[in-house]
Amino acid sequence: MTETPALAMHEVCRDFRRPRTSLRTAPPVVHAVRDVTVDIAPGERFGIVGESGSGKSTLLRLLCGLDQPSSGSIEITGRPIHDQPARRLGWLRETLQLVFQDPMSSLDPRMRVRDIVAEPLVAQGQGSARERRDRVVELLDAVGMPGEAADRYPHQFSGGQRQRISVARALAPAPAILVADEPVSALDVSVRAQVLNLIDDVVEQFGLTLVFVSHDLSVVRHVCDRVAVMRQGEFVEVAPTEQLFADPQHPYTQSLLAAVPDLHAALAGRAAADLARGAREATPPQ
């Protein structure tokens, strides 16, 4: 028996009309998403990568039920989300949760962490007050935050810690799918690896399906099993991650990979420079 995909998109399109510039011409149509078809298996870590303006954000809005496709279909765990009013998509909020790009703007500064993490549970009427408190403690521990963090406010934490709180909030209703929208692009380089490792850990621990969206191929390579390269609203290439990096087929993918810095070469160059600087400083002046 074939397993039901966690997420299935079939010929999904989303078109927008620009304002009319002349009474004699029809408004031009912008094809933000064009004929996207893909099945994502339960437990898979699926990356979507592309430059700014490639259609990633529009596609995310469609996946989250915040917008409707112009044509095509989207199913989450076998249930369609297109052509349904928002009031009937309450189940989707429990099944799919989103980690946003900027944790400072996505966390209410007036709320304590305990209320932020419990917010999805309150909205969906899950558990008693005591059960929600216990769930908050459990989730903060799962993302590496101390229990006393529950009584503090977002501004009292670093960017990496705030993103950990965002992950805890997303995990609160026990979703099947976690969507991460550029989750480390607003963070310092020094903490990006920590947050990526956290996402990797919670996906494994909670048995989640991951949809990871980024403009950075090197980041996607770190966490994803399979990658879709998006350009001008289309998936121009979909392949297992290592296959994509080893043998990219589409010219656009090849150009993106050519622009990825060689991290090992950069680190070796930096080490050589530090060594040379140390040698100069150790040499007495003539």
C-alpha atoms as a PDB file:
ATOM      1  CA  MET A   1       0.000   0.000   0.000  1.00  0.00           C
ATOM      2  CA  THR A   2       1.387   3.400  -1.007  1.00  0.00           C
ATOM      3  CA  GLU A   3       2.105   5.740   1.907  1.00  0.00           C
ATOM      4  CA  THR A   4       0.166   9.008   1.905  1.00  0.00           C
ATOM      5  CA  PRO A   5       2.546  11.954   1.371  1.00  0.00           C
ATOM      6  CA  ALA A   6       2.884  14.382   4.239  1.00  0.00           C
ATOM      7  CA  LEU A   7       2.565  17.150   1.675  1.00  0.00           C
ATOM      8  CA  ALA A   8       1.525  16.876  -1.966  1.00  0.00           C
ATOM      9  CA  MET A   9       1.406  19.643  -4.565  1.00  0.00           C
ATOM     10  CA  HIS A  10       0.075  19.025  -8.062  1.00  0.00           C
ATOM     11  CA  GLU A  11       0.512  21.628 -10.825  1.00  0.00           C
ATOM     12  CA  VAL A  12       0.190  24.478  -8.321  1.00  0.00           C
ATOM     13  CA  CYS A  13       0.080  27.966  -9.836  1.00  0.00           C
ATOM     14  CA  ARG A  14      -0.411  31.390  -8.289  1.00  0.00           C
ATOM     15  CA  ASP A  15      -0.884  34.373 -10.554  1.00  0.00           C
ATOM     16  CA  PHE A  16      -1.182  38.054  -9.696  1.00  0.00           C
ATOM     17  CA  ARG A  17      -2.324  40.926 -11.863  1.00  0.00           C
ATOM     18  CA  ARG A  18      -0.378  44.159 -11.761  1.00  0.00           C
ATOM     19  CA  PRO A  19      -2.271  47.457 -11.841  1.00  0.00           C
ATOM     20  CA  ARG A  20      -3.380  48.497 -15.315  1.00  0.00           C
ATOM     21  CA  THR A  21      -0.886  50.939 -16.848  1.00  0.00           C
ATOM     22  CA  SER A  22      -3.027  51.860 -19.835  1.00  0.00           C
ATOM     23  CA  LEU A  23      -6.703  51.748 -20.708  1.00  0.00           C
ATOM     24  CA  ARG A  24      -5.777  50.045 -23.960  1.00  0.00           C
ATOM     25  CA  THR A  25      -3.826  47.160 -22.478  1.00  0.00           C
ATOM     26  CA  ALA A  26      -4.835  44.353 -20.174  1.00  0.00           C
ATOM     27  CA  PRO A  27      -3.139  44.261 -16.769  1.00  0.00           C
ATOM     28  CA  PRO A  28       0.030  42.163 -16.998  1.00  0.00           C
ATOM     29  CA  VAL A  29      -0.015  38.844 -15.142  1.00  0.00           C
ATOM     30  CA  VAL A  30       2.811  37.860 -12.787  1.00  0.00           C
ATOM     31  CA  HIS A  31       3.270  34.093 -12.509  1.00  0.00           C
ATOM     32  CA  ALA A  32       4.594  33.947  -8.940  1.00  0.00           C
ATOM     33  CA  VAL A  33       4.288  30.137  -8.735  1.00  0.00           C
ATOM     34  CA  ARG A  34       4.136  28.020 -11.880  1.00  0.00           C
ATOM     35  CA  ASP A  35       3.212  24.338 -12.184  1.00  0.00           C
ATOM     36  CA  VAL A  36       4.860  23.166  -8.971  1.00  0.00           C
ATOM     37  CA  THR A  37       4.398  19.417  -8.516  1.00  0.00           C
ATOM     38  CA  VAL A  38       6.061  17.430  -5.745  1.00  0.00           C
ATOM     39  CA  ASP A  39       5.290  14.818  -3.069  1.00  0.00           C
ATOM     40  CA  ILE A  40       7.056  15.049   0.295  1.00  0.00           C
ATOM     41  CA  ALA A  41       7.119  11.820   2.281  1.00  0.00           C
ATOM     42  CA  PRO A  42       6.429  11.629   6.032  1.00  0.00           C
ATOM     43  CA  GLY A  43       9.677  12.197   7.913  1.00  0.00           C
ATOM     44  CA  GLU A  44      11.456  13.666   4.902  1.00  0.00           C
ATOM     45  CA  ARG A  45      13.582  16.812   5.195  1.00  0.00           C
ATOM     46  CA  PHE A  46      12.792  18.765   2.061  1.00  0.00           C
ATOM     47  CA  GLY A  47      14.613  21.963   1.128  1.00  0.00           C
ATOM     48  CA  ILE A  48      13.398  24.738  -1.154  1.00  0.00           C
ATOM     49  CA  VAL A  49      16.172  27.049  -2.286  1.00  0.00           C
ATOM     50  CA  GLY A  50      16.169  30.058  -4.554  1.00  0.00           C
ATOM     51  CA  GLU A  51      17.126  33.687  -4.815  1.00  0.00           C
ATOM     52  CA  SER A  52      14.971  36.566  -3.597  1.00  0.00           C
ATOM     53  CA  GLY A  53      11.948  36.896  -5.875  1.00  0.00           C
ATOM     54  CA  SER A  54      11.978  33.263  -6.961  1.00  0.00           C
ATOM     55  CA  GLY A  55       8.523  32.597  -5.480  1.00  0.00           C
ATOM     56  CA  LYS A  56       9.486  30.905  -2.198  1.00  0.00           C
ATOM     57  CA  SER A  57       7.408  33.213   0.018  1.00  0.00           C
ATOM     58  CA  THR A  58       4.322  32.909  -2.181  1.00  0.00           C
ATOM     59  CA  LEU A  59       4.617  29.128  -2.136  1.00  0.00           C
ATOM     60  CA  LEU A  60       4.884  29.153   1.658  1.00  0.00           C
ATOM     61  CA  ARG A  61       1.702  31.200   1.949  1.00  0.00           C
ATOM     62  CA  LEU A  62      -0.058  28.598  -0.175  1.00  0.00           C
ATOM     63  CA  LEU A  63       1.258  25.717   1.948  1.00  0.00           C
ATOM     64  CA  CYS A  64       0.129  27.403   5.158  1.00  0.00           C
ATOM     65  CA  GLY A  65      -3.366  28.118   3.827  1.00  0.00           C
ATOM     66  CA  LEU A  66      -2.807  31.881   3.921  1.00  0.00           C
ATOM     67  CA  ASP A  67      -3.481  32.163   0.196  1.00  0.00           C
ATOM     68  CA  GLN A  68      -5.242  30.088  -2.440  1.00  0.00           C
ATOM     69  CA  PRO A  69      -3.641  28.790  -5.648  1.00  0.00           C
ATOM     70  CA  SER A  70      -4.927  30.089  -8.953  1.00  0.00           C
ATOM     71  CA  SER A  71      -4.963  26.472 -10.123  1.00  0.00           C
ATOM     72  CA  GLY A  72      -3.683  23.092  -9.023  1.00  0.00           C
ATOM     73  CA  SER A  73      -4.083  21.310  -5.697  1.00  0.00           C
ATOM     74  CA  ILE A  74      -2.336  21.060  -2.328  1.00  0.00           C
ATOM     75  CA  GLU A  75      -2.903  18.272   0.170  1.00  0.00           C
ATOM     76  CA  ILE A  76      -1.534  18.051   3.704  1.00  0.00           C
ATOM     77  CA  THR A  77      -1.501  14.475   5.066  1.00  0.00           C
ATOM     78  CA  GLY A  78      -4.020  13.578   2.372  1.00  0.00           C
ATOM     79  CA  ARG A  79      -6.438  16.429   3.086  1.00  0.00           C
ATOM     80  CA  PRO A  80      -6.946  19.252   0.550  1.00  0.00           C
ATOM     81  CA  ILE A  81      -6.391  22.801   1.751  1.00  0.00           C
ATOM     82  CA  HIS A  82      -7.340  24.630  -1.436  1.00  0.00           C
ATOM     83  CA  ASP A  83     -10.886  25.893  -2.048  1.00  0.00           C
ATOM     84  CA  GLN A  84     -11.643  25.871   1.677  1.00  0.00           C
ATOM     85  CA  PRO A  85     -12.482  28.911   3.809  1.00  0.00           C
ATOM     86  CA  ALA A  86      -9.979  29.753   6.543  1.00  0.00           C
ATOM     87  CA  ARG A  87     -12.499  28.885   9.278  1.00  0.00           C
ATOM     88  CA  ARG A  88     -12.410  25.258   8.162  1.00  0.00           C
ATOM     89  CA  LEU A  89      -8.634  24.981   8.315  1.00  0.00           C
ATOM     90  CA  GLY A  90      -8.278  24.735  12.083  1.00  0.00           C
ATOM     91  CA  TRP A  91      -6.876  21.217  11.690  1.00  0.00           C
ATOM     92  CA  LEU A  92      -4.095  22.644   9.519  1.00  0.00           C
ATOM     93  CA  ARG A  93      -2.836  24.822  12.395  1.00  0.00           C
ATOM     94  CA  GLU A  94      -2.338  21.661  14.427  1.00  0.00           C
ATOM     95  CA  THR A  95      -0.785  19.674  11.588  1.00  0.00           C
ATOM     96  CA  LEU A  96       1.617  22.280  10.190  1.00  0.00           C
ATOM     97  CA  GLN A  97       3.568  24.892  12.133  1.00  0.00           C
ATOM     98  CA  LEU A  98       5.912  27.617  10.936  1.00  0.00           C
ATOM     99  CA  VAL A  99       9.214  28.939  12.288  1.00  0.00           C
ATOM    100  CA  PHE A 100       9.664  32.475  11.002  1.00  0.00           C
ATOM    101  CA  GLN A 101      12.777  34.218   9.745  1.00  0.00           C
ATOM    102  CA  ASP A 102      13.085  36.937  12.383  1.00  0.00           C
ATOM    103  CA  PRO A 103      12.307  35.764  15.928  1.00  0.00           C
ATOM    104  CA  MET A 104      12.231  39.309  17.319  1.00  0.00           C
ATOM    105  CA  SER A 105       9.367  40.339  15.055  1.00  0.00           C
ATOM    106  CA  SER A 106       7.477  37.039  15.413  1.00  0.00           C
ATOM    107  CA  LEU A 107       7.470  36.975  19.240  1.00  0.00           C
ATOM    108  CA  ASP A 108       5.104  39.347  21.043  1.00  0.00           C
ATOM    109  CA  PRO A 109       7.352  41.569  23.216  1.00  0.00           C
ATOM    110  CA  ARG A 110       4.518  42.068  25.727  1.00  0.00           C
ATOM    111  CA  MET A 111       4.141  38.357  26.479  1.00  0.00           C
ATOM    112  CA  ARG A 112       6.211  36.173  28.761  1.00  0.00           C
ATOM    113  CA  VAL A 113       7.836  33.145  27.187  1.00  0.00           C
ATOM    114  CA  ARG A 114       5.438  30.750  28.952  1.00  0.00           C
ATOM    115  CA  ASP A 115       2.477  32.477  27.286  1.00  0.00           C
ATOM    116  CA  ILE A 116       4.211  32.654  23.893  1.00  0.00           C
ATOM    117  CA  VAL A 117       4.935  28.927  23.831  1.00  0.00           C
ATOM    118  CA  ALA A 118       1.467  28.046  25.135  1.00  0.00           C
ATOM    119  CA  GLU A 119      -0.321  30.392  22.700  1.00  0.00           C
ATOM    120  CA  PRO A 120      -1.062  27.726  20.021  1.00  0.00           C
ATOM    121  CA  LEU A 121      -2.449  25.411  22.705  1.00  0.00           C
ATOM    122  CA  VAL A 122      -4.744  28.119  24.060  1.00  0.00           C
ATOM    123  CA  ALA A 123      -5.899  29.064  20.552  1.00  0.00           C
ATOM    124  CA  GLN A 124      -6.795  25.447  19.783  1.00  0.00           C
ATOM    125  CA  GLY A 125      -8.246  24.679  23.216  1.00  0.00           C
ATOM    126  CA  GLN A 126      -5.722  21.943  23.955  1.00  0.00           C
ATOM    127  CA  GLY A 127      -5.209  20.801  27.551  1.00  0.00           C
ATOM    128  CA  SER A 128      -5.930  22.331  30.932  1.00  0.00           C
ATOM    129  CA  ALA A 129      -3.943  25.262  32.317  1.00  0.00           C
ATOM    130  CA  ARG A 130      -1.745  22.866  34.307  1.00  0.00           C
ATOM    131  CA  GLU A 131      -1.174  20.609  31.300  1.00  0.00           C
ATOM    132  CA  ARG A 132      -0.157  23.611  29.221  1.00  0.00           C
ATOM    133  CA  ARG A 133       2.316  24.743  31.898  1.00  0.00           C
ATOM    134  CA  ASP A 134       3.852  21.263  31.965  1.00  0.00           C
ATOM    135  CA  ARG A 135       4.015  21.241  28.168  1.00  0.00           C
ATOM    136  CA  VAL A 136       5.849  24.584  28.146  1.00  0.00           C
ATOM    137  CA  VAL A 137       8.493  23.281  30.570  1.00  0.00           C
ATOM    138  CA  GLU A 138       8.909  20.131  28.464  1.00  0.00           C
ATOM    139  CA  LEU A 139       9.310  22.095  25.234  1.00  0.00           C
ATOM    140  CA  LEU A 140      11.760  24.628  26.650  1.00  0.00           C
ATOM    141  CA  ASP A 141      13.890  21.727  27.818  1.00  0.00           C
ATOM    142  CA  ALA A 142      13.652  20.126  24.360  1.00  0.00           C
ATOM    143  CA  VAL A 143      15.069  23.269  22.712  1.00  0.00           C
ATOM    144  CA  GLY A 144      17.820  23.734  25.285  1.00  0.00           C
ATOM    145  CA  MET A 145      16.294  26.582  27.300  1.00  0.00           C
ATOM    146  CA  PRO A 146      16.217  26.599  31.129  1.00  0.00           C
ATOM    147  CA  GLY A 147      12.877  26.393  32.902  1.00  0.00           C
ATOM    148  CA  GLU A 148      13.253  29.883  34.400  1.00  0.00           C
ATOM    149  CA  ALA A 149      13.164  31.319  30.865  1.00  0.00           C
ATOM    150  CA  ALA A 150       9.380  30.876  31.012  1.00  0.00           C
ATOM    151  CA  ASP A 151       9.006  33.957  33.230  1.00  0.00           C
ATOM    152  CA  ARG A 152      11.059  36.290  31.053  1.00  0.00           C
ATOM    153  CA  TYR A 153      10.335  38.405  27.968  1.00  0.00           C
ATOM    154  CA  PRO A 154      11.749  38.034  24.425  1.00  0.00           C
ATOM    155  CA  HIS A 155      13.977  41.129  24.646  1.00  0.00           C
ATOM    156  CA  GLN A 156      15.875  39.494  27.515  1.00  0.00           C
ATOM    157  CA  PHE A 157      17.317  36.830  25.209  1.00  0.00           C
ATOM    158  CA  SER A 158      19.835  36.700  22.394  1.00  0.00           C
ATOM    159  CA  GLY A 159      18.761  36.151  18.791  1.00  0.00           C
ATOM    160  CA  GLY A 160      19.647  32.474  18.910  1.00  0.00           C
ATOM    161  CA  GLN A 161      17.720  31.980  22.150  1.00  0.00           C
ATOM    162  CA  ARG A 162      14.684  33.752  20.702  1.00  0.00           C
ATOM    163  CA  GLN A 163      14.741  31.408  17.733  1.00  0.00           C
ATOM    164  CA  ARG A 164      14.836  28.469  20.143  1.00  0.00           C
ATOM    165  CA  ILE A 165      11.693  29.882  21.761  1.00  0.00           C
ATOM    166  CA  SER A 166      10.108  30.151  18.307  1.00  0.00           C
ATOM    167  CA  VAL A 167      10.878  26.486  17.685  1.00  0.00           C
ATOM    168  CA  ALA A 168       9.346  25.562  21.057  1.00  0.00           C
ATOM    169  CA  ARG A 169       6.170  27.462  20.177  1.00  0.00           C
ATOM    170  CA  ALA A 170       5.965  25.690  16.812  1.00  0.00           C
ATOM    171  CA  LEU A 171       6.295  22.309  18.526  1.00  0.00           C
ATOM    172  CA  ALA A 172       3.589  23.043  21.115  1.00  0.00           C
ATOM    173  CA  PRO A 173       0.549  21.617  19.259  1.00  0.00           C
ATOM    174  CA  ALA A 174       2.521  18.480  18.243  1.00  0.00           C
ATOM    175  CA  PRO A 175       2.471  19.143  14.491  1.00  0.00           C
ATOM    176  CA  ALA A 176       3.344  16.564  11.851  1.00  0.00           C
ATOM    177  CA  ILE A 177       5.049  19.119   9.599  1.00  0.00           C
ATOM    178  CA  LEU A 178       7.491  21.875  10.535  1.00  0.00           C
ATOM    179  CA  VAL A 179       8.050  24.641   7.992  1.00  0.00           C
ATOM    180  CA  ALA A 180      11.202  26.717   8.577  1.00  0.00           C
ATOM    181  CA  ASP A 181      11.302  29.980   6.616  1.00  0.00           C
ATOM    182  CA  GLU A 182      14.910  31.215   6.454  1.00  0.00           C
ATOM    183  CA  PRO A 183      15.249  30.384  10.166  1.00  0.00           C
ATOM    184  CA  VAL A 184      18.925  31.367  10.527  1.00  0.00           C
ATOM    185  CA  SER A 185      19.327  34.238   8.067  1.00  0.00           C
ATOM    186  CA  ALA A 186      18.629  36.882  10.761  1.00  0.00           C
ATOM    187  CA  LEU A 187      21.129  35.330  13.206  1.00  0.00           C
ATOM    188  CA  ASP A 188      24.819  35.918  13.784  1.00  0.00           C
ATOM    189  CA  VAL A 189      27.066  33.472  11.981  1.00  0.00           C
ATOM    190  CA  SER A 190      28.355  32.207  15.317  1.00  0.00           C
ATOM    191  CA  VAL A 191      24.922  30.846  16.366  1.00  0.00           C
ATOM    192  CA  ARG A 192      23.575  29.643  13.019  1.00  0.00           C
ATOM    193  CA  ALA A 193      25.095  26.173  13.368  1.00  0.00           C
ATOM    194  CA  GLN A 194      23.557  25.808  16.837  1.00  0.00           C
ATOM    195  CA  VAL A 195      20.054  26.594  15.574  1.00  0.00           C
ATOM    196  CA  LEU A 196      20.474  24.318  12.542  1.00  0.00           C
ATOM    197  CA  ASN A 197      21.568  21.492  14.839  1.00  0.00           C
ATOM    198  CA  LEU A 198      18.555  22.215  17.061  1.00  0.00           C
ATOM    199  CA  ILE A 199      16.158  21.942  14.116  1.00  0.00           C
ATOM    200  CA  ASP A 200      17.873  18.730  13.063  1.00  0.00           C
ATOM    201  CA  ASP A 201      17.501  17.336  16.591  1.00  0.00           C
ATOM    202  CA  VAL A 202      13.820  18.216  17.108  1.00  0.00           C
ATOM    203  CA  VAL A 203      12.861  16.850  13.685  1.00  0.00           C
ATOM    204  CA  GLU A 204      14.476  13.572  14.696  1.00  0.00           C
ATOM    205  CA  GLN A 205      13.132  13.568  18.261  1.00  0.00           C
ATOM    206  CA  PHE A 206       9.518  14.388  17.370  1.00  0.00           C
ATOM    207  CA  GLY A 207       9.377  12.487  14.084  1.00  0.00           C
ATOM    208  CA  LEU A 208       8.533  15.538  11.989  1.00  0.00           C
ATOM    209  CA  THR A 209       8.456  16.216   8.295  1.00  0.00           C
ATOM    210  CA  LEU A 210      10.570  19.300   7.576  1.00  0.00           C
ATOM    211  CA  VAL A 211      10.123  21.863   4.818  1.00  0.00           C
ATOM    212  CA  PHE A 212      13.175  24.120   4.986  1.00  0.00           C
ATOM    213  CA  VAL A 213      13.207  27.291   2.871  1.00  0.00           C
ATOM    214  CA  SER A 214      16.401  29.239   2.269  1.00  0.00           C
ATOM    215  CA  HIS A 215      18.410  31.218  -0.266  1.00  0.00           C
ATOM    216  CA  ASP A 216      21.586  29.581   1.056  1.00  0.00           C
ATOM    217  CA  LEU A 217      22.513  26.240  -0.506  1.00  0.00           C
ATOM    218  CA  SER A 218      25.192  25.508   2.083  1.00  0.00           C
ATOM    219  CA  VAL A 219      22.583  25.775   4.864  1.00  0.00           C
ATOM    220  CA  VAL A 220      20.104  23.555   3.022  1.00  0.00           C
ATOM    221  CA  ARG A 221      22.806  20.954   2.487  1.00  0.00           C
ATOM    222  CA  HIS A 222      23.306  20.725   6.239  1.00  0.00           C
ATOM    223  CA  VAL A 223      19.711  19.726   7.092  1.00  0.00           C
ATOM    224  CA  CYS A 224      17.873  18.386   4.023  1.00  0.00           C
ATOM    225  CA  ASP A 225      17.536  14.972   2.373  1.00  0.00           C
ATOM    226  CA  ARG A 226      16.201  16.385  -0.885  1.00  0.00           C
ATOM    227  CA  VAL A 227      16.271  19.846  -2.433  1.00  0.00           C
ATOM    228  CA  ALA A 228      14.091  21.710  -4.921  1.00  0.00           C
ATOM    229  CA  VAL A 229      15.726  24.634  -6.728  1.00  0.00           C
ATOM    230  CA  MET A 230      13.200  27.377  -7.455  1.00  0.00           C
ATOM    231  CA  ARG A 231      13.539  30.001 -10.158  1.00  0.00           C
ATOM    232  CA  GLN A 232      10.893  32.417 -11.425  1.00  0.00           C
ATOM    233  CA  GLY A 233       8.141  30.465  -9.711  1.00  0.00           C
ATOM    234  CA  GLU A 234       9.178  27.013 -10.978  1.00  0.00           C
ATOM    235  CA  PHE A 235      11.011  24.034  -9.550  1.00  0.00           C
ATOM    236  CA  VAL A 236      13.767  23.760 -12.150  1.00  0.00           C
ATOM    237  CA  GLU A 237      15.446  20.826 -10.428  1.00  0.00           C
ATOM    238  CA  VAL A 238      14.527  18.426  -7.625  1.00  0.00           C
ATOM    239  CA  ALA A 239      17.090  15.883  -6.443  1.00  0.00           C
ATOM    240  CA  PRO A 240      18.582  14.189  -3.358  1.00  0.00           C
ATOM    241  CA  THR A 241      20.870  16.674  -1.665  1.00  0.00           C
ATOM    242  CA  GLU A 242      24.224  15.013  -2.275  1.00  0.00           C
ATOM    243  CA  GLN A 243      23.306  14.192  -5.859  1.00  0.00           C
ATOM    244  CA  LEU A 244      22.351  17.827  -6.461  1.00  0.00           C
ATOM    245  CA  PHE A 245      25.681  19.057  -5.117  1.00  0.00           C
ATOM    246  CA  ALA A 246      27.735  16.408  -6.886  1.00  0.00           C
ATOM    247  CA  ASP A 247      26.039  16.521 -10.279  1.00  0.00           C
ATOM    248  CA  PRO A 248      23.663  19.488 -10.797  1.00  0.00           C
ATOM    249  CA  GLN A 249      21.703  19.143 -14.023  1.00  0.00           C
ATOM    250  CA  HIS A 250      20.098  22.541 -14.582  1.00  0.00           C
ATOM    251  CA  PRO A 251      22.265  25.535 -15.598  1.00  0.00           C
ATOM    252  CA  TYR A 252      20.637  27.680 -12.909  1.00  0.00           C
ATOM    253  CA  THR A 253      21.528  25.139 -10.215  1.00  0.00           C
ATOM    254  CA  GLN A 254      25.076  25.039 -11.559  1.00  0.00           C
ATOM    255  CA  SER A 255      25.332  28.824 -11.333  1.00  0.00           C
ATOM    256  CA  LEU A 256      24.018  28.820  -7.744  1.00  0.00           C
ATOM    257  CA  LEU A 257      26.521  26.176  -6.693  1.00  0.00           C
ATOM    258  CA  ALA A 258      29.358  28.038  -8.389  1.00  0.00           C
ATOM    259  CA  ALA A 259      28.533  31.038  -6.193  1.00  0.00           C
ATOM    260  CA  VAL A 260      28.650  29.064  -2.918  1.00  0.00           C
ATOM    261  CA  PRO A 261      31.890  29.891  -1.058  1.00  0.00           C
ATOM    262  CA  ASP A 262      34.227  26.994  -0.383  1.00  0.00           C
ATOM    263  CA  LEU A 263      34.070  26.946   3.419  1.00  0.00           C
ATOM    264  CA  HIS A 264      37.034  24.624   3.860  1.00  0.00           C
ATOM    265  CA  ALA A 265      39.220  26.729   1.563  1.00  0.00           C
ATOM    266  CA  ALA A 266      38.161  29.879   3.388  1.00  0.00           C
ATOM    267  CA  LEU A 267      39.021  28.370   6.780  1.00  0.00           C
ATOM    268  CA  ALA A 268      42.372  27.093   5.483  1.00  0.00           C
ATOM    269  CA  GLY A 269      43.152  30.533   4.088  1.00  0.00           C
ATOM    270  CA  ARG A 270      42.252  32.176   7.370  1.00  0.00           C
ATOM    271  CA  ALA A 271      44.421  29.708   9.332  1.00  0.00           C
ATOM    272  CA  ALA A 272      47.357  30.384   7.006  1.00  0.00           C
ATOM    273  CA  ALA A 273      46.909  34.130   7.439  1.00  0.00           C
ATOM    274  CA  ASP A 274      46.781  33.787  11.241  1.00  0.00           C
ATOM    275  CA  LEU A 275      49.932  31.653  11.173  1.00  0.00           C
ATOM    276  CA  ALA A 276      51.766  34.194   9.007  1.00  0.00           C
ATOM    277  CA  ARG A 277      50.649  37.046  11.279  1.00  0.00           C
ATOM    278  CA  GLY A 278      51.887  35.146  14.330  1.00  0.00           C
ATOM    279  CA  ALA A 279      55.255  34.547  12.679  1.00  0.00           C
ATOM    280  CA  ARG A 280      55.621  38.250  11.845  1.00  0.00           C
ATOM    281  CA  GLU A 281      54.768  39.257  15.410  1.00  0.00           C
ATOM    282  CA  ALA A 282      57.285  36.737  16.806  1.00  0.00           C
ATOM    283  CA  THR A 283      60.107  38.054  14.606  1.00  0.00           C
ATOM    284  CA  PRO A 284      62.131  40.762  16.388  1.00  0.00           C
ATOM    285  CA  PRO A 285      62.512  44.055  14.487  1.00  0.00           C
ATOM    286  CA  GLN A 286      65.737  44.429  12.501  1.00  0.00           C
END
